[in-house]
Amino acid sequence: MLKDGEKGVILQRDRETYAIAPHIPCGIVTPELLEKLAAVARKYNAAALKITSAARIALVGIKEEDIDAIWEELGAEQGHAVGLCVRSIKVCPGMTFCRLAKQDSLAMGMKMDARYHGMSMPSKMKMAVSGCKIQCGENCIKDLSLYGTETGWTILAGGMGGIKPRLAEVLAENIPSEEAEEIVARTITYYQENSKRARLGFLIDTIGIETLREAVLNK
Protein backbone atom coordinates (compact mmCIF):
# COMPACT_ATOMS: atom_id res chain seq x y z
CA MET A 1 0.00 0.00 0.00
CA LEU A 2 1.32 3.43 -0.95
CA LYS A 3 1.82 6.13 1.67
CA ASP A 4 0.29 9.60 1.34
CA GLY A 5 2.45 11.64 -0.99
CA GLU A 6 4.17 8.64 -2.60
CA LYS A 7 3.66 8.90 -6.36
CA GLY A 8 1.48 11.93 -5.59
CA VAL A 9 -1.33 9.87 -4.04
CA ILE A 10 -3.73 10.47 -1.15
CA LEU A 11 -5.16 7.34 0.47
CA GLN A 12 -8.94 7.45 0.64
CA ARG A 13 -11.36 6.64 3.46
CA ASP A 14 -11.92 3.08 2.24
CA ARG A 15 -8.17 2.39 2.75
CA GLU A 16 -8.11 0.75 -0.67
CA THR A 17 -8.35 3.46 -3.31
CA TYR A 18 -6.46 6.71 -3.88
CA ALA A 19 -6.83 10.24 -5.13
CA ILE A 20 -4.29 12.15 -7.19
CA ALA A 21 -4.22 15.89 -7.80
CA PRO A 22 -2.16 17.11 -10.77
CA HIS A 23 -0.52 20.46 -10.19
CA ILE A 24 -2.41 23.34 -11.83
CA PRO A 25 -0.35 26.51 -11.24
CA CYS A 26 -2.57 29.28 -9.87
CA GLY A 27 -5.66 27.35 -10.95
CA ILE A 28 -5.23 28.21 -14.65
CA VAL A 29 -6.15 25.04 -16.53
CA THR A 30 -5.96 24.39 -20.26
CA PRO A 31 -8.67 22.72 -22.36
CA GLU A 32 -6.13 20.01 -23.21
CA LEU A 33 -5.61 19.10 -19.53
CA LEU A 34 -9.36 19.10 -18.92
CA GLU A 35 -9.81 16.73 -21.84
CA LYS A 36 -7.07 14.43 -20.52
CA LEU A 37 -8.58 14.44 -17.03
CA ALA A 38 -12.00 13.53 -18.39
CA ALA A 39 -10.61 10.78 -20.61
CA VAL A 40 -8.50 9.27 -17.83
CA ALA A 41 -11.39 9.44 -15.35
CA ARG A 42 -13.59 7.48 -17.76
CA LYS A 43 -10.91 4.97 -18.74
CA TYR A 44 -9.92 4.09 -15.18
CA ASN A 45 -13.39 4.44 -13.62
CA ALA A 46 -12.55 7.24 -11.18
CA ALA A 47 -15.27 7.61 -8.56
CA ALA A 48 -15.27 11.41 -8.89
CA LEU A 49 -13.48 14.50 -10.14
CA LYS A 50 -13.19 16.99 -7.27
CA ILE A 51 -12.16 20.64 -7.51
CA THR A 52 -10.03 21.17 -4.40
CA SER A 53 -9.51 24.19 -2.16
CA ALA A 54 -6.05 24.55 -3.72
CA ALA A 55 -7.65 25.03 -7.18
CA ARG A 56 -6.63 21.60 -8.41
CA ILE A 57 -8.80 18.88 -9.94
CA ALA A 58 -8.40 15.63 -8.04
CA LEU A 59 -9.19 12.22 -9.49
CA VAL A 60 -10.78 10.33 -6.62
CA GLY A 61 -11.25 6.60 -6.10
CA ILE A 62 -8.56 5.13 -8.34
CA LYS A 63 -6.80 1.79 -7.96
CA GLU A 64 -3.14 1.46 -7.00
CA GLU A 65 -2.31 -0.60 -10.07
CA ASP A 66 -3.56 2.21 -12.35
CA ILE A 67 -1.60 5.08 -10.80
CA ASP A 68 1.57 4.90 -12.93
CA ALA A 69 -0.45 4.64 -16.15
CA ILE A 70 -2.66 7.57 -15.15
CA TRP A 71 0.29 9.84 -14.46
CA GLU A 72 1.89 8.83 -17.76
CA GLU A 73 -1.27 9.56 -19.72
CA LEU A 74 -1.86 12.90 -18.00
CA GLY A 75 1.73 14.05 -18.50
CA ALA A 76 1.24 16.47 -15.61
CA GLU A 77 3.32 17.49 -12.61
CA GLN A 78 2.21 16.07 -9.29
CA GLY A 79 0.51 18.50 -6.93
CA HIS A 80 2.00 18.62 -3.42
CA ALA A 81 -1.24 18.10 -1.52
CA VAL A 82 0.40 16.55 1.56
CA GLY A 83 3.73 16.71 3.38
CA LEU A 84 6.01 19.28 5.00
CA CYS A 85 6.31 21.64 2.07
CA VAL A 86 4.69 24.54 0.25
CA ARG A 87 1.49 22.84 -0.77
CA SER A 88 -0.21 25.53 -2.81
CA ILE A 89 -0.21 29.14 -3.96
CA LYS A 90 -3.83 30.25 -4.26
CA VAL A 91 -4.39 33.19 -6.62
CA CYS A 92 -7.37 35.35 -7.54
CA PRO A 93 -8.15 36.35 -11.18
CA GLY A 94 -6.22 39.62 -10.73
CA MET A 95 -5.77 42.35 -13.31
CA THR A 96 -5.94 39.76 -16.09
CA PHE A 97 -9.66 39.25 -15.49
CA CYS A 98 -10.97 41.34 -12.57
CA ARG A 99 -11.85 45.06 -12.70
CA LEU A 100 -11.20 45.45 -8.95
CA ALA A 101 -7.57 44.29 -8.95
CA LYS A 102 -4.86 46.82 -8.14
CA GLN A 103 -1.84 44.60 -8.83
CA ASP A 104 -1.10 41.71 -11.20
CA SER A 105 -1.74 38.80 -8.86
CA LEU A 106 -1.54 36.15 -11.58
CA ALA A 107 1.94 37.23 -12.66
CA MET A 108 3.16 37.39 -9.07
CA GLY A 109 1.44 34.10 -8.22
CA MET A 110 3.02 32.29 -11.16
CA LYS A 111 6.47 33.49 -10.05
CA MET A 112 5.85 32.27 -6.52
CA ASP A 113 4.44 28.96 -7.72
CA ALA A 114 7.46 28.30 -9.92
CA ARG A 115 9.84 29.15 -7.08
CA TYR A 116 8.13 27.65 -4.03
CA HIS A 117 5.61 24.93 -4.90
CA GLY A 118 6.79 21.72 -3.24
CA MET A 119 9.71 23.40 -1.42
CA SER A 120 10.60 21.60 1.82
CA MET A 121 9.45 23.40 4.99
CA PRO A 122 9.45 22.73 8.77
CA SER A 123 5.67 22.25 8.50
CA LYS A 124 3.08 22.58 5.78
CA MET A 125 2.81 26.02 4.20
CA LYS A 126 0.04 27.56 2.15
CA MET A 127 0.47 30.80 0.24
CA ALA A 128 -1.79 33.23 -1.60
CA VAL A 129 -1.71 36.27 -3.86
CA SER A 130 -4.74 38.55 -4.28
CA GLY A 131 -5.05 41.56 -6.54
CA CYS A 132 -6.82 43.77 -4.00
CA LYS A 133 -7.74 44.04 -0.34
CA ILE A 134 -10.88 41.93 -0.82
CA GLN A 135 -8.43 39.01 -0.73
CA CYS A 136 -10.23 36.39 -2.80
CA GLY A 137 -7.12 34.23 -2.36
CA GLU A 138 -8.14 33.85 1.30
CA ASN A 139 -4.98 35.59 2.47
CA CYS A 140 -6.18 35.86 6.05
CA ILE A 141 -5.77 32.10 6.60
CA LYS A 142 -2.59 31.54 4.60
CA ASP A 143 0.87 31.17 6.13
CA LEU A 144 2.35 33.78 3.81
CA SER A 145 0.54 35.96 1.30
CA LEU A 146 0.35 39.22 -0.62
CA TYR A 147 -2.52 41.45 -1.71
CA GLY A 148 -2.37 44.39 -4.06
CA THR A 149 -3.00 48.06 -3.33
CA GLU A 150 -2.71 51.10 -5.57
CA THR A 151 0.81 51.69 -4.24
CA GLY A 152 2.19 48.15 -4.12
CA TRP A 153 1.77 44.98 -2.08
CA THR A 154 0.74 44.28 1.49
CA ILE A 155 2.46 41.16 2.85
CA LEU A 156 0.70 39.04 5.49
CA ALA A 157 2.18 36.25 7.60
CA GLY A 158 0.99 33.64 10.05
CA GLY A 159 -2.53 32.80 8.92
CA MET A 160 -3.92 29.27 9.01
CA GLY A 161 -7.12 27.28 9.27
CA GLY A 162 -7.23 23.92 10.98
CA ILE A 163 -7.92 22.91 14.57
CA LYS A 164 -6.34 26.09 15.92
CA PRO A 165 -7.16 28.76 13.30
CA ARG A 166 -5.19 31.98 13.26
CA LEU A 167 -5.59 35.21 11.30
CA ALA A 168 -2.57 36.48 9.40
CA GLU A 169 -0.78 39.64 10.55
CA VAL A 170 0.56 42.48 8.42
CA LEU A 171 4.27 42.08 7.85
CA ALA A 172 4.80 45.00 5.47
CA GLU A 173 2.73 47.46 3.42
CA ASN A 174 2.99 49.35 0.11
CA ILE A 175 5.93 47.30 -1.14
CA PRO A 176 7.01 47.33 -4.83
CA SER A 177 6.89 43.96 -6.60
CA GLU A 178 10.61 43.18 -6.68
CA GLU A 179 11.08 44.11 -3.04
CA ALA A 180 7.98 42.11 -2.09
CA GLU A 181 9.49 39.03 -3.71
CA GLU A 182 12.69 39.56 -1.71
CA ILE A 183 10.78 39.92 1.57
CA VAL A 184 8.86 36.72 0.87
CA ALA A 185 12.15 34.92 0.17
CA ARG A 186 13.76 36.22 3.36
CA THR A 187 10.69 35.28 5.40
CA ILE A 188 10.76 31.73 4.08
CA THR A 189 14.49 31.44 4.82
CA TYR A 190 13.95 32.76 8.35
CA TYR A 191 11.12 30.28 8.88
CA GLN A 192 13.21 27.37 7.61
CA GLU A 193 16.07 28.29 9.92
CA ASN A 194 14.07 29.02 13.07
CA SER A 195 11.03 26.72 13.21
CA LYS A 196 10.89 23.11 14.34
CA ARG A 197 7.85 21.34 12.86
CA ALA A 198 5.56 24.33 13.62
CA ARG A 199 3.48 26.45 11.25
CA LEU A 200 4.70 30.00 10.64
CA GLY A 201 1.84 31.37 12.75
CA PHE A 202 2.96 29.38 15.78
CA LEU A 203 6.51 30.67 15.31
CA ILE A 204 5.14 34.24 15.26
CA ASP A 205 3.18 33.50 18.45
CA THR A 206 6.50 32.56 20.07
CA ILE A 207 8.76 35.33 18.81
CA GLY A 208 6.27 38.14 18.02
CA ILE A 209 5.56 39.80 14.69
CA GLU A 210 8.01 42.64 15.44
CA THR A 211 10.89 40.17 15.70
CA LEU A 212 9.98 38.74 12.31
CA ARG A 213 9.74 42.24 10.82
CA GLU A 214 13.18 43.16 12.15
CA ALA A 215 14.62 39.96 10.70
CA VAL A 216 13.24 40.24 7.15
CA LEU A 217 12.68 43.92 6.38
CA ASN A 218 15.16 46.63 5.33
CA LYS A 219 17.98 44.24 4.49
C-alpha atoms as a PDB file:
ATOM      1  CA  MET A   1       0.000   0.000   0.000  1.00  0.00           C
ATOM      2  CA  LEU A   2       1.319   3.426  -0.946  1.00  0.00           C
ATOM      3  CA  LYS A   3       1.822   6.126   1.673  1.00  0.00           C
ATOM      4  CA  ASP A   4       0.295   9.598   1.341  1.00  0.00           C
ATOM      5  CA  GLY A   5       2.450  11.642  -0.994  1.00  0.00           C
ATOM      6  CA  GLU A   6       4.172   8.642  -2.598  1.00  0.00           C
ATOM      7  CA  LYS A   7       3.658   8.903  -6.365  1.00  0.00           C
ATOM      8  CA  GLY A   8       1.479  11.930  -5.593  1.00  0.00           C
ATOM      9  CA  VAL A   9      -1.333   9.870  -4.041  1.00  0.00           C
ATOM     10  CA  ILE A  10      -3.727  10.474  -1.148  1.00  0.00           C
ATOM     11  CA  LEU A  11      -5.157   7.341   0.470  1.00  0.00           C
ATOM     12  CA  GLN A  12      -8.943   7.453   0.637  1.00  0.00           C
ATOM     13  CA  ARG A  13     -11.357   6.638   3.459  1.00  0.00           C
ATOM     14  CA  ASP A  14     -11.922   3.078   2.242  1.00  0.00           C
ATOM     15  CA  ARG A  15      -8.167   2.392   2.747  1.00  0.00           C
ATOM     16  CA  GLU A  16      -8.108   0.745  -0.673  1.00  0.00           C
ATOM     17  CA  THR A  17      -8.349   3.462  -3.310  1.00  0.00           C
ATOM     18  CA  TYR A  18      -6.464   6.705  -3.876  1.00  0.00           C
ATOM     19  CA  ALA A  19      -6.833  10.240  -5.135  1.00  0.00           C
ATOM     20  CA  ILE A  20      -4.289  12.148  -7.186  1.00  0.00           C
ATOM     21  CA  ALA A  21      -4.216  15.888  -7.797  1.00  0.00           C
ATOM     22  CA  PRO A  22      -2.160  17.107 -10.771  1.00  0.00           C
ATOM     23  CA  HIS A  23      -0.523  20.462 -10.191  1.00  0.00           C
ATOM     24  CA  ILE A  24      -2.409  23.338 -11.830  1.00  0.00           C
ATOM     25  CA  PRO A  25      -0.345  26.508 -11.237  1.00  0.00           C
ATOM     26  CA  CYS A  26      -2.565  29.281  -9.874  1.00  0.00           C
ATOM     27  CA  GLY A  27      -5.660  27.348 -10.953  1.00  0.00           C
ATOM     28  CA  ILE A  28      -5.226  28.205 -14.646  1.00  0.00           C
ATOM     29  CA  VAL A  29      -6.148  25.042 -16.528  1.00  0.00           C
ATOM     30  CA  THR A  30      -5.962  24.391 -20.265  1.00  0.00           C
ATOM     31  CA  PRO A  31      -8.669  22.719 -22.361  1.00  0.00           C
ATOM     32  CA  GLU A  32      -6.126  20.014 -23.209  1.00  0.00           C
ATOM     33  CA  LEU A  33      -5.605  19.101 -19.535  1.00  0.00           C
ATOM     34  CA  LEU A  34      -9.360  19.103 -18.918  1.00  0.00           C
ATOM     35  CA  GLU A  35      -9.809  16.728 -21.839  1.00  0.00           C
ATOM     36  CA  LYS A  36      -7.074  14.431 -20.518  1.00  0.00           C
ATOM     37  CA  LEU A  37      -8.580  14.437 -17.031  1.00  0.00           C
ATOM     38  CA  ALA A  38     -11.999  13.527 -18.393  1.00  0.00           C
ATOM     39  CA  ALA A  39     -10.612  10.777 -20.611  1.00  0.00           C
ATOM     40  CA  VAL A  40      -8.497   9.269 -17.832  1.00  0.00           C
ATOM     41  CA  ALA A  41     -11.389   9.444 -15.352  1.00  0.00           C
ATOM     42  CA  ARG A  42     -13.593   7.482 -17.755  1.00  0.00           C
ATOM     43  CA  LYS A  43     -10.909   4.975 -18.739  1.00  0.00           C
ATOM     44  CA  TYR A  44      -9.924   4.090 -15.180  1.00  0.00           C
ATOM     45  CA  ASN A  45     -13.387   4.443 -13.617  1.00  0.00           C
ATOM     46  CA  ALA A  46     -12.552   7.239 -11.185  1.00  0.00           C
ATOM     47  CA  ALA A  47     -15.267   7.610  -8.564  1.00  0.00           C
ATOM     48  CA  ALA A  48     -15.273  11.405  -8.894  1.00  0.00           C
ATOM     49  CA  LEU A  49     -13.476  14.500 -10.145  1.00  0.00           C
ATOM     50  CA  LYS A  50     -13.186  16.987  -7.270  1.00  0.00           C
ATOM     51  CA  ILE A  51     -12.161  20.642  -7.510  1.00  0.00           C
ATOM     52  CA  THR A  52     -10.027  21.167  -4.402  1.00  0.00           C
ATOM     53  CA  SER A  53      -9.513  24.186  -2.156  1.00  0.00           C
ATOM     54  CA  ALA A  54      -6.047  24.553  -3.724  1.00  0.00           C
ATOM     55  CA  ALA A  55      -7.654  25.031  -7.180  1.00  0.00           C
ATOM     56  CA  ARG A  56      -6.632  21.598  -8.411  1.00  0.00           C
ATOM     57  CA  ILE A  57      -8.800  18.880  -9.942  1.00  0.00           C
ATOM     58  CA  ALA A  58      -8.401  15.628  -8.042  1.00  0.00           C
ATOM     59  CA  LEU A  59      -9.187  12.218  -9.490  1.00  0.00           C
ATOM     60  CA  VAL A  60     -10.777  10.328  -6.618  1.00  0.00           C
ATOM     61  CA  GLY A  61     -11.245   6.602  -6.098  1.00  0.00           C
ATOM     62  CA  ILE A  62      -8.562   5.134  -8.342  1.00  0.00           C
ATOM     63  CA  LYS A  63      -6.797   1.791  -7.959  1.00  0.00           C
ATOM     64  CA  GLU A  64      -3.138   1.457  -6.996  1.00  0.00           C
ATOM     65  CA  GLU A  65      -2.311  -0.603 -10.071  1.00  0.00           C
ATOM     66  CA  ASP A  66      -3.565   2.212 -12.345  1.00  0.00           C
ATOM     67  CA  ILE A  67      -1.600   5.082 -10.801  1.00  0.00           C
ATOM     68  CA  ASP A  68       1.566   4.903 -12.932  1.00  0.00           C
ATOM     69  CA  ALA A  69      -0.450   4.637 -16.146  1.00  0.00           C
ATOM     70  CA  ILE A  70      -2.662   7.567 -15.151  1.00  0.00           C
ATOM     71  CA  TRP A  71       0.294   9.840 -14.463  1.00  0.00           C
ATOM     72  CA  GLU A  72       1.893   8.833 -17.761  1.00  0.00           C
ATOM     73  CA  GLU A  73      -1.268   9.564 -19.724  1.00  0.00           C
ATOM     74  CA  LEU A  74      -1.857  12.897 -17.996  1.00  0.00           C
ATOM     75  CA  GLY A  75       1.729  14.053 -18.504  1.00  0.00           C
ATOM     76  CA  ALA A  76       1.236  16.472 -15.606  1.00  0.00           C
ATOM     77  CA  GLU A  77       3.321  17.489 -12.608  1.00  0.00           C
ATOM     78  CA  GLN A  78       2.207  16.065  -9.287  1.00  0.00           C
ATOM     79  CA  GLY A  79       0.512  18.498  -6.927  1.00  0.00           C
ATOM     80  CA  HIS A  80       2.000  18.623  -3.423  1.00  0.00           C
ATOM     81  CA  ALA A  81      -1.241  18.098  -1.518  1.00  0.00           C
ATOM     82  CA  VAL A  82       0.398  16.546   1.556  1.00  0.00           C
ATOM     83  CA  GLY A  83       3.735  16.708   3.381  1.00  0.00           C
ATOM     84  CA  LEU A  84       6.011  19.284   4.999  1.00  0.00           C
ATOM     85  CA  CYS A  85       6.312  21.637   2.067  1.00  0.00           C
ATOM     86  CA  VAL A  86       4.692  24.543   0.254  1.00  0.00           C
ATOM     87  CA  ARG A  87       1.487  22.837  -0.775  1.00  0.00           C
ATOM     88  CA  SER A  88      -0.214  25.527  -2.811  1.00  0.00           C
ATOM     89  CA  ILE A  89      -0.213  29.142  -3.956  1.00  0.00           C
ATOM     90  CA  LYS A  90      -3.834  30.253  -4.265  1.00  0.00           C
ATOM     91  CA  VAL A  91      -4.385  33.193  -6.616  1.00  0.00           C
ATOM     92  CA  CYS A  92      -7.365  35.354  -7.543  1.00  0.00           C
ATOM     93  CA  PRO A  93      -8.151  36.350 -11.183  1.00  0.00           C
ATOM     94  CA  GLY A  94      -6.221  39.616 -10.727  1.00  0.00           C
ATOM     95  CA  MET A  95      -5.773  42.355 -13.310  1.00  0.00           C
ATOM     96  CA  THR A  96      -5.942  39.763 -16.089  1.00  0.00           C
ATOM     97  CA  PHE A  97      -9.658  39.250 -15.492  1.00  0.00           C
ATOM     98  CA  CYS A  98     -10.975  41.340 -12.568  1.00  0.00           C
ATOM     99  CA  ARG A  99     -11.849  45.055 -12.698  1.00  0.00           C
ATOM    100  CA  LEU A 100     -11.202  45.455  -8.945  1.00  0.00           C
ATOM    101  CA  ALA A 101      -7.569  44.294  -8.949  1.00  0.00           C
ATOM    102  CA  LYS A 102      -4.863  46.825  -8.136  1.00  0.00           C
ATOM    103  CA  GLN A 103      -1.841  44.604  -8.831  1.00  0.00           C
ATOM    104  CA  ASP A 104      -1.102  41.708 -11.201  1.00  0.00           C
ATOM    105  CA  SER A 105      -1.744  38.804  -8.864  1.00  0.00           C
ATOM    106  CA  LEU A 106      -1.539  36.145 -11.578  1.00  0.00           C
ATOM    107  CA  ALA A 107       1.939  37.233 -12.664  1.00  0.00           C
ATOM    108  CA  MET A 108       3.165  37.391  -9.066  1.00  0.00           C
ATOM    109  CA  GLY A 109       1.441  34.099  -8.222  1.00  0.00           C
ATOM    110  CA  MET A 110       3.021  32.292 -11.161  1.00  0.00           C
ATOM    111  CA  LYS A 111       6.467  33.486 -10.053  1.00  0.00           C
ATOM    112  CA  MET A 112       5.851  32.269  -6.516  1.00  0.00           C
ATOM    113  CA  ASP A 113       4.440  28.962  -7.722  1.00  0.00           C
ATOM    114  CA  ALA A 114       7.464  28.301  -9.920  1.00  0.00           C
ATOM    115  CA  ARG A 115       9.838  29.148  -7.077  1.00  0.00           C
ATOM    116  CA  TYR A 116       8.135  27.647  -4.031  1.00  0.00           C
ATOM    117  CA  HIS A 117       5.614  24.927  -4.905  1.00  0.00           C
ATOM    118  CA  GLY A 118       6.794  21.719  -3.240  1.00  0.00           C
ATOM    119  CA  MET A 119       9.710  23.396  -1.420  1.00  0.00           C
ATOM    120  CA  SER A 120      10.595  21.597   1.823  1.00  0.00           C
ATOM    121  CA  MET A 121       9.446  23.401   4.993  1.00  0.00           C
ATOM    122  CA  PRO A 122       9.447  22.735   8.766  1.00  0.00           C
ATOM    123  CA  SER A 123       5.669  22.248   8.501  1.00  0.00           C
ATOM    124  CA  LYS A 124       3.077  22.577   5.785  1.00  0.00           C
ATOM    125  CA  MET A 125       2.810  26.023   4.205  1.00  0.00           C
ATOM    126  CA  LYS A 126       0.037  27.555   2.148  1.00  0.00           C
ATOM    127  CA  MET A 127       0.475  30.803   0.241  1.00  0.00           C
ATOM    128  CA  ALA A 128      -1.786  33.232  -1.605  1.00  0.00           C
ATOM    129  CA  VAL A 129      -1.708  36.270  -3.857  1.00  0.00           C
ATOM    130  CA  SER A 130      -4.738  38.547  -4.276  1.00  0.00           C
ATOM    131  CA  GLY A 131      -5.049  41.557  -6.544  1.00  0.00           C
ATOM    132  CA  CYS A 132      -6.816  43.766  -4.000  1.00  0.00           C
ATOM    133  CA  LYS A 133      -7.740  44.038  -0.336  1.00  0.00           C
ATOM    134  CA  ILE A 134     -10.883  41.927  -0.815  1.00  0.00           C
ATOM    135  CA  GLN A 135      -8.430  39.008  -0.730  1.00  0.00           C
ATOM    136  CA  CYS A 136     -10.233  36.393  -2.805  1.00  0.00           C
ATOM    137  CA  GLY A 137      -7.122  34.226  -2.364  1.00  0.00           C
ATOM    138  CA  GLU A 138      -8.139  33.846   1.305  1.00  0.00           C
ATOM    139  CA  ASN A 139      -4.977  35.594   2.469  1.00  0.00           C
ATOM    140  CA  CYS A 140      -6.179  35.858   6.053  1.00  0.00           C
ATOM    141  CA  ILE A 141      -5.771  32.101   6.599  1.00  0.00           C
ATOM    142  CA  LYS A 142      -2.591  31.543   4.605  1.00  0.00           C
ATOM    143  CA  ASP A 143       0.872  31.166   6.131  1.00  0.00           C
ATOM    144  CA  LEU A 144       2.353  33.780   3.806  1.00  0.00           C
ATOM    145  CA  SER A 145       0.537  35.959   1.298  1.00  0.00           C
ATOM    146  CA  LEU A 146       0.348  39.217  -0.620  1.00  0.00           C
ATOM    147  CA  TYR A 147      -2.516  41.448  -1.706  1.00  0.00           C
ATOM    148  CA  GLY A 148      -2.367  44.390  -4.055  1.00  0.00           C
ATOM    149  CA  THR A 149      -3.002  48.055  -3.327  1.00  0.00           C
ATOM    150  CA  GLU A 150      -2.709  51.104  -5.570  1.00  0.00           C
ATOM    151  CA  THR A 151       0.811  51.685  -4.242  1.00  0.00           C
ATOM    152  CA  GLY A 152       2.186  48.149  -4.121  1.00  0.00           C
ATOM    153  CA  TRP A 153       1.769  44.979  -2.084  1.00  0.00           C
ATOM    154  CA  THR A 154       0.744  44.280   1.495  1.00  0.00           C
ATOM    155  CA  ILE A 155       2.457  41.162   2.853  1.00  0.00           C
ATOM    156  CA  LEU A 156       0.699  39.045   5.488  1.00  0.00           C
ATOM    157  CA  ALA A 157       2.175  36.251   7.599  1.00  0.00           C
ATOM    158  CA  GLY A 158       0.995  33.644  10.049  1.00  0.00           C
ATOM    159  CA  GLY A 159      -2.528  32.799   8.922  1.00  0.00           C
ATOM    160  CA  MET A 160      -3.923  29.271   9.006  1.00  0.00           C
ATOM    161  CA  GLY A 161      -7.115  27.280   9.273  1.00  0.00           C
ATOM    162  CA  GLY A 162      -7.230  23.916  10.975  1.00  0.00           C
ATOM    163  CA  ILE A 163      -7.925  22.911  14.566  1.00  0.00           C
ATOM    164  CA  LYS A 164      -6.340  26.094  15.916  1.00  0.00           C
ATOM    165  CA  PRO A 165      -7.164  28.756  13.301  1.00  0.00           C
ATOM    166  CA  ARG A 166      -5.186  31.985  13.262  1.00  0.00           C
ATOM    167  CA  LEU A 167      -5.592  35.206  11.297  1.00  0.00           C
ATOM    168  CA  ALA A 168      -2.573  36.478   9.403  1.00  0.00           C
ATOM    169  CA  GLU A 169      -0.784  39.638  10.547  1.00  0.00           C
ATOM    170  CA  VAL A 170       0.560  42.480   8.424  1.00  0.00           C
ATOM    171  CA  LEU A 171       4.269  42.078   7.850  1.00  0.00           C
ATOM    172  CA  ALA A 172       4.798  45.005   5.474  1.00  0.00           C
ATOM    173  CA  GLU A 173       2.728  47.462   3.419  1.00  0.00           C
ATOM    174  CA  ASN A 174       2.988  49.348   0.114  1.00  0.00           C
ATOM    175  CA  ILE A 175       5.929  47.295  -1.145  1.00  0.00           C
ATOM    176  CA  PRO A 176       7.011  47.329  -4.834  1.00  0.00           C
ATOM    177  CA  SER A 177       6.888  43.962  -6.598  1.00  0.00           C
ATOM    178  CA  GLU A 178      10.612  43.181  -6.684  1.00  0.00           C
ATOM    179  CA  GLU A 179      11.082  44.112  -3.042  1.00  0.00           C
ATOM    180  CA  ALA A 180       7.982  42.112  -2.088  1.00  0.00           C
ATOM    181  CA  GLU A 181       9.492  39.032  -3.710  1.00  0.00           C
ATOM    182  CA  GLU A 182      12.692  39.562  -1.708  1.00  0.00           C
ATOM    183  CA  ILE A 183      10.780  39.923   1.568  1.00  0.00           C
ATOM    184  CA  VAL A 184       8.863  36.718   0.874  1.00  0.00           C
ATOM    185  CA  ALA A 185      12.152  34.916   0.168  1.00  0.00           C
ATOM    186  CA  ARG A 186      13.758  36.222   3.364  1.00  0.00           C
ATOM    187  CA  THR A 187      10.685  35.282   5.399  1.00  0.00           C
ATOM    188  CA  ILE A 188      10.765  31.732   4.078  1.00  0.00           C
ATOM    189  CA  THR A 189      14.491  31.443   4.824  1.00  0.00           C
ATOM    190  CA  TYR A 190      13.950  32.763   8.351  1.00  0.00           C
ATOM    191  CA  TYR A 191      11.122  30.283   8.881  1.00  0.00           C
ATOM    192  CA  GLN A 192      13.207  27.369   7.605  1.00  0.00           C
ATOM    193  CA  GLU A 193      16.071  28.294   9.917  1.00  0.00           C
ATOM    194  CA  ASN A 194      14.069  29.022  13.074  1.00  0.00           C
ATOM    195  CA  SER A 195      11.030  26.724  13.206  1.00  0.00           C
ATOM    196  CA  LYS A 196      10.889  23.114  14.343  1.00  0.00           C
ATOM    197  CA  ARG A 197       7.846  21.337  12.861  1.00  0.00           C
ATOM    198  CA  ALA A 198       5.562  24.330  13.617  1.00  0.00           C
ATOM    199  CA  ARG A 199       3.479  26.450  11.248  1.00  0.00           C
ATOM    200  CA  LEU A 200       4.699  29.999  10.640  1.00  0.00           C
ATOM    201  CA  GLY A 201       1.837  31.372  12.751  1.00  0.00           C
ATOM    202  CA  PHE A 202       2.955  29.382  15.782  1.00  0.00           C
ATOM    203  CA  LEU A 203       6.507  30.669  15.305  1.00  0.00           C
ATOM    204  CA  ILE A 204       5.144  34.244  15.264  1.00  0.00           C
ATOM    205  CA  ASP A 205       3.178  33.504  18.453  1.00  0.00           C
ATOM    206  CA  THR A 206       6.497  32.563  20.072  1.00  0.00           C
ATOM    207  CA  ILE A 207       8.761  35.333  18.811  1.00  0.00           C
ATOM    208  CA  GLY A 208       6.271  38.141  18.016  1.00  0.00           C
ATOM    209  CA  ILE A 209       5.565  39.803  14.693  1.00  0.00           C
ATOM    210  CA  GLU A 210       8.014  42.636  15.436  1.00  0.00           C
ATOM    211  CA  THR A 211      10.895  40.166  15.702  1.00  0.00           C
ATOM    212  CA  LEU A 212       9.984  38.739  12.313  1.00  0.00           C
ATOM    213  CA  ARG A 213       9.740  42.241  10.815  1.00  0.00           C
ATOM    214  CA  GLU A 214      13.181  43.155  12.149  1.00  0.00           C
ATOM    215  CA  ALA A 215      14.621  39.960  10.699  1.00  0.00           C
ATOM    216  CA  VAL A 216      13.235  40.235   7.150  1.00  0.00           C
ATOM    217  CA  LEU A 217      12.681  43.923   6.382  1.00  0.00           C
ATOM    218  CA  ASN A 218      15.164  46.629   5.331  1.00  0.00           C
ATOM    219  CA  LYS A 219      17.984  44.242   4.494  1.00  0.00           C
END
